């Protein structure tokens, strides 16, 4: 399992880098734990974080799909993404 952390204020270039990393991990067969970290008053704007997560999911939909619903753990929004094509599981999970 690999983890990718995001924040609602992430820039477009940084988001594209995260998308590329997630694509690499999915090609290798890893499950991905997406963590959207809200700091301070950012938690009052959950919709912005949801938009960022949706952009990332749109970028990786060719290789991965969400597994289950999104969950809040404290001030973090957590989502699991699993590979849909390629290797089903990786030996280093």
N, C-alpha and C. Protein backbone atom coordinates (compact mmCIF):
# COMPACT_ATOMS: atom_id res chain seq x y z
N UNK A 1 0.84 -1.17 0.00
CA UNK A 1 0.00 0.00 0.00
C UNK A 1 0.89 1.24 0.00
N UNK A 2 0.50 2.23 -0.78
CA UNK A 2 1.20 3.50 -0.84
C UNK A 2 0.23 4.60 -0.42
N UNK A 3 0.76 5.69 0.13
CA UNK A 3 -0.08 6.80 0.57
C UNK A 3 0.33 8.07 -0.17
N UNK A 4 -0.67 8.83 -0.61
CA UNK A 4 -0.45 10.11 -1.26
C UNK A 4 -1.23 11.15 -0.47
N UNK A 5 -0.53 12.20 -0.04
CA UNK A 5 -1.17 13.24 0.77
C UNK A 5 -1.39 14.49 -0.07
N UNK A 6 -2.54 15.11 0.14
CA UNK A 6 -2.93 16.32 -0.58
C UNK A 6 -3.45 17.35 0.41
N UNK A 7 -3.54 18.58 -0.05
CA UNK A 7 -4.23 19.61 0.73
C UNK A 7 -5.16 20.35 -0.22
N UNK A 8 -6.18 21.02 0.30
CA UNK A 8 -7.12 21.73 -0.57
C UNK A 8 -6.47 22.85 -1.38
N UNK A 9 -5.35 23.39 -0.91
CA UNK A 9 -4.69 24.51 -1.58
C UNK A 9 -3.62 24.07 -2.57
N UNK A 10 -3.60 22.80 -2.96
CA UNK A 10 -2.55 22.28 -3.84
C UNK A 10 -2.61 22.98 -5.19
N UNK A 11 -1.45 23.29 -5.74
CA UNK A 11 -1.37 23.92 -7.05
C UNK A 11 -1.61 22.91 -8.15
N UNK A 12 -1.92 23.39 -9.34
CA UNK A 12 -2.27 22.52 -10.45
C UNK A 12 -1.07 21.65 -10.86
N UNK A 13 0.13 22.22 -10.86
CA UNK A 13 1.32 21.44 -11.21
C UNK A 13 1.57 20.36 -10.16
N UNK A 14 1.46 20.70 -8.90
CA UNK A 14 1.68 19.72 -7.84
C UNK A 14 0.63 18.61 -7.91
N UNK A 15 -0.60 18.96 -8.26
CA UNK A 15 -1.65 17.95 -8.41
C UNK A 15 -1.31 17.01 -9.57
N UNK A 16 -0.80 17.57 -10.66
CA UNK A 16 -0.41 16.73 -11.80
C UNK A 16 0.73 15.78 -11.43
N UNK A 17 1.66 16.24 -10.60
CA UNK A 17 2.74 15.36 -10.14
C UNK A 17 2.17 14.23 -9.30
N UNK A 18 1.20 14.54 -8.42
CA UNK A 18 0.57 13.50 -7.59
C UNK A 18 -0.18 12.50 -8.46
N UNK A 19 -0.85 12.99 -9.51
CA UNK A 19 -1.56 12.10 -10.43
C UNK A 19 -0.57 11.14 -11.10
N UNK A 20 0.57 11.67 -11.54
CA UNK A 20 1.58 10.83 -12.19
C UNK A 20 2.11 9.77 -11.23
N UNK A 21 2.36 10.14 -9.98
CA UNK A 21 2.85 9.19 -8.98
C UNK A 21 1.81 8.10 -8.71
N UNK A 22 0.55 8.50 -8.58
CA UNK A 22 -0.51 7.52 -8.35
C UNK A 22 -0.61 6.56 -9.53
N UNK A 23 -0.48 7.08 -10.74
CA UNK A 23 -0.53 6.23 -11.94
C UNK A 23 0.61 5.20 -11.91
N UNK A 24 1.81 5.64 -11.52
CA UNK A 24 2.94 4.72 -11.43
C UNK A 24 2.66 3.62 -10.41
N UNK A 25 2.15 4.01 -9.25
CA UNK A 25 1.86 3.03 -8.20
C UNK A 25 0.79 2.05 -8.66
N UNK A 26 -0.25 2.55 -9.34
CA UNK A 26 -1.32 1.67 -9.81
C UNK A 26 -0.80 0.69 -10.87
N UNK A 27 0.10 1.17 -11.74
CA UNK A 27 0.69 0.27 -12.75
C UNK A 27 1.46 -0.86 -12.10
N UNK A 28 2.08 -0.56 -10.94
CA UNK A 28 2.84 -1.59 -10.22
C UNK A 28 1.94 -2.48 -9.37
N UNK A 29 0.65 -2.18 -9.32
CA UNK A 29 -0.29 -3.03 -8.60
C UNK A 29 -0.54 -2.64 -7.15
N UNK A 30 -0.04 -1.49 -6.73
CA UNK A 30 -0.25 -1.05 -5.35
C UNK A 30 -1.65 -0.49 -5.14
N UNK A 31 -2.15 -0.64 -3.92
CA UNK A 31 -3.36 0.08 -3.50
C UNK A 31 -2.89 1.44 -3.00
N UNK A 32 -3.69 2.46 -3.19
CA UNK A 32 -3.31 3.83 -2.83
C UNK A 32 -4.26 4.34 -1.76
N UNK A 33 -3.68 4.94 -0.73
CA UNK A 33 -4.46 5.61 0.29
C UNK A 33 -4.32 7.11 0.05
N UNK A 34 -5.40 7.75 -0.42
CA UNK A 34 -5.40 9.19 -0.62
C UNK A 34 -5.81 9.87 0.67
N UNK A 35 -5.01 10.81 1.13
CA UNK A 35 -5.31 11.54 2.36
C UNK A 35 -5.35 13.03 2.04
N UNK A 36 -6.53 13.62 2.17
CA UNK A 36 -6.71 15.06 2.01
C UNK A 36 -6.62 15.66 3.40
N UNK A 37 -5.57 16.43 3.65
CA UNK A 37 -5.35 17.00 4.98
C UNK A 37 -5.90 18.43 5.03
N UNK A 38 -6.83 18.64 5.93
CA UNK A 38 -7.38 19.97 6.16
C UNK A 38 -6.70 20.57 7.37
N UNK A 39 -6.22 21.81 7.25
CA UNK A 39 -5.54 22.47 8.36
C UNK A 39 -6.34 23.68 8.80
N UNK A 40 -6.45 23.86 10.08
CA UNK A 40 -7.11 25.05 10.61
C UNK A 40 -8.53 25.18 10.12
N UNK A 41 -8.84 26.32 9.57
CA UNK A 41 -10.21 26.62 9.10
C UNK A 41 -10.54 26.04 7.74
N UNK A 42 -9.60 25.37 7.12
CA UNK A 42 -9.87 24.75 5.82
C UNK A 42 -10.99 23.73 5.92
N UNK A 43 -11.19 23.15 7.09
CA UNK A 43 -12.20 22.11 7.26
C UNK A 43 -13.60 22.64 6.99
N UNK A 44 -13.80 23.95 7.09
CA UNK A 44 -15.12 24.52 6.81
C UNK A 44 -15.43 24.54 5.32
N UNK A 45 -14.40 24.31 4.48
CA UNK A 45 -14.59 24.30 3.02
C UNK A 45 -14.31 22.91 2.47
N UNK A 46 -15.08 21.95 2.93
CA UNK A 46 -14.90 20.56 2.52
C UNK A 46 -15.11 20.38 1.02
N UNK A 47 -15.95 21.23 0.42
CA UNK A 47 -16.24 21.10 -1.01
C UNK A 47 -15.00 21.33 -1.87
N UNK A 48 -14.11 22.21 -1.43
CA UNK A 48 -12.87 22.46 -2.19
C UNK A 48 -12.01 21.20 -2.17
N UNK A 49 -11.91 20.56 -1.02
CA UNK A 49 -11.16 19.31 -0.92
C UNK A 49 -11.77 18.22 -1.77
N UNK A 50 -13.09 18.14 -1.80
CA UNK A 50 -13.78 17.15 -2.63
C UNK A 50 -13.48 17.38 -4.11
N UNK A 51 -13.41 18.65 -4.53
CA UNK A 51 -13.11 18.96 -5.93
C UNK A 51 -11.71 18.51 -6.31
N UNK A 52 -10.75 18.72 -5.40
CA UNK A 52 -9.37 18.29 -5.66
C UNK A 52 -9.31 16.77 -5.78
N UNK A 53 -9.98 16.07 -4.88
CA UNK A 53 -9.99 14.61 -4.93
C UNK A 53 -10.64 14.13 -6.22
N UNK A 54 -11.73 14.77 -6.63
CA UNK A 54 -12.40 14.39 -7.87
C UNK A 54 -11.50 14.60 -9.08
N UNK A 55 -10.71 15.69 -9.10
CA UNK A 55 -9.77 15.93 -10.20
C UNK A 55 -8.72 14.82 -10.25
N UNK A 56 -8.22 14.43 -9.09
CA UNK A 56 -7.23 13.36 -9.05
C UNK A 56 -7.84 12.05 -9.52
N UNK A 57 -9.04 11.74 -9.07
CA UNK A 57 -9.69 10.50 -9.50
C UNK A 57 -9.97 10.50 -11.00
N UNK A 58 -10.33 11.66 -11.56
CA UNK A 58 -10.54 11.74 -13.01
C UNK A 58 -9.24 11.48 -13.76
N UNK A 59 -8.12 11.93 -13.18
CA UNK A 59 -6.82 11.74 -13.81
C UNK A 59 -6.34 10.30 -13.80
N UNK A 60 -6.80 9.50 -12.85
CA UNK A 60 -6.31 8.12 -12.73
C UNK A 60 -7.38 7.08 -13.04
N UNK A 61 -8.53 7.52 -13.55
CA UNK A 61 -9.64 6.57 -13.76
C UNK A 61 -9.32 5.48 -14.78
N UNK A 62 -8.30 5.69 -15.61
CA UNK A 62 -7.93 4.66 -16.58
C UNK A 62 -7.30 3.45 -15.90
N UNK A 63 -6.64 3.67 -14.76
CA UNK A 63 -5.94 2.57 -14.10
C UNK A 63 -6.47 2.23 -12.72
N UNK A 64 -7.26 3.12 -12.11
CA UNK A 64 -7.71 2.86 -10.75
C UNK A 64 -9.12 3.34 -10.50
N UNK A 65 -9.71 2.76 -9.45
CA UNK A 65 -11.07 3.13 -9.07
C UNK A 65 -11.13 3.20 -7.54
N UNK A 66 -12.00 4.07 -7.01
CA UNK A 66 -12.14 4.14 -5.55
C UNK A 66 -12.72 2.86 -4.99
N UNK A 67 -12.24 2.51 -3.81
CA UNK A 67 -12.73 1.32 -3.13
C UNK A 67 -13.50 1.79 -1.90
N UNK A 68 -14.80 1.77 -1.99
CA UNK A 68 -15.61 2.20 -0.85
C UNK A 68 -15.78 3.71 -0.80
N UNK A 69 -16.52 4.17 0.19
CA UNK A 69 -16.81 5.60 0.30
C UNK A 69 -15.64 6.37 0.92
N UNK A 70 -15.70 7.69 0.78
CA UNK A 70 -14.72 8.57 1.40
C UNK A 70 -15.07 8.71 2.87
N UNK A 71 -14.06 8.75 3.72
CA UNK A 71 -14.31 8.82 5.16
C UNK A 71 -13.49 9.95 5.77
N UNK A 72 -14.07 10.61 6.76
CA UNK A 72 -13.33 11.61 7.52
C UNK A 72 -12.76 10.96 8.76
N UNK A 73 -11.46 11.10 8.94
CA UNK A 73 -10.78 10.65 10.15
C UNK A 73 -10.19 11.90 10.79
N UNK A 74 -10.94 12.48 11.70
CA UNK A 74 -10.52 13.76 12.28
C UNK A 74 -10.65 14.84 11.23
N UNK A 75 -9.55 15.53 10.94
CA UNK A 75 -9.56 16.57 9.90
C UNK A 75 -9.04 16.06 8.57
N UNK A 76 -8.93 14.76 8.40
CA UNK A 76 -8.43 14.17 7.16
C UNK A 76 -9.55 13.44 6.43
N UNK A 77 -9.61 13.65 5.13
CA UNK A 77 -10.52 12.91 4.27
C UNK A 77 -9.70 11.77 3.66
N UNK A 78 -10.13 10.53 3.86
CA UNK A 78 -9.36 9.36 3.43
C UNK A 78 -10.16 8.57 2.41
N UNK A 79 -9.47 8.10 1.37
CA UNK A 79 -10.09 7.33 0.29
C UNK A 79 -9.08 6.31 -0.21
N UNK A 80 -9.52 5.10 -0.42
CA UNK A 80 -8.66 4.04 -0.97
C UNK A 80 -8.93 3.93 -2.48
N UNK A 81 -7.85 3.80 -3.25
CA UNK A 81 -7.94 3.60 -4.69
C UNK A 81 -7.23 2.29 -5.02
N UNK A 82 -7.90 1.43 -5.78
CA UNK A 82 -7.34 0.13 -6.13
C UNK A 82 -7.13 0.06 -7.64
N UNK A 83 -6.14 -0.71 -8.08
CA UNK A 83 -5.91 -0.84 -9.52
C UNK A 83 -7.03 -1.63 -10.19
N UNK A 84 -7.40 -1.21 -11.38
CA UNK A 84 -8.45 -1.91 -12.12
C UNK A 84 -7.87 -2.76 -13.24
N UNK A 85 -6.66 -2.43 -13.72
CA UNK A 85 -6.02 -3.18 -14.79
C UNK A 85 -4.61 -3.53 -14.37
N UNK A 86 -4.00 -4.42 -15.11
CA UNK A 86 -2.60 -4.77 -14.83
C UNK A 86 -2.51 -5.80 -13.73
N UNK A 87 -1.45 -5.69 -12.94
CA UNK A 87 -1.24 -6.64 -11.85
C UNK A 87 -2.31 -6.46 -10.79
N UNK A 88 -2.87 -7.53 -10.32
CA UNK A 88 -3.95 -7.47 -9.32
C UNK A 88 -3.41 -7.18 -7.93
N UNK A 89 -2.28 -7.74 -7.59
CA UNK A 89 -1.71 -7.47 -6.29
C UNK A 89 -0.19 -7.46 -6.39
N UNK A 90 0.44 -6.78 -5.48
CA UNK A 90 1.87 -6.64 -5.48
C UNK A 90 2.44 -7.41 -4.30
N UNK A 91 3.57 -7.99 -4.43
CA UNK A 91 4.14 -8.81 -3.37
C UNK A 91 4.51 -8.00 -2.14
N UNK A 92 4.77 -6.70 -2.29
CA UNK A 92 5.19 -5.85 -1.17
C UNK A 92 4.04 -5.14 -0.50
N UNK A 93 2.82 -5.59 -0.65
CA UNK A 93 1.65 -4.88 -0.11
C UNK A 93 1.82 -4.66 1.36
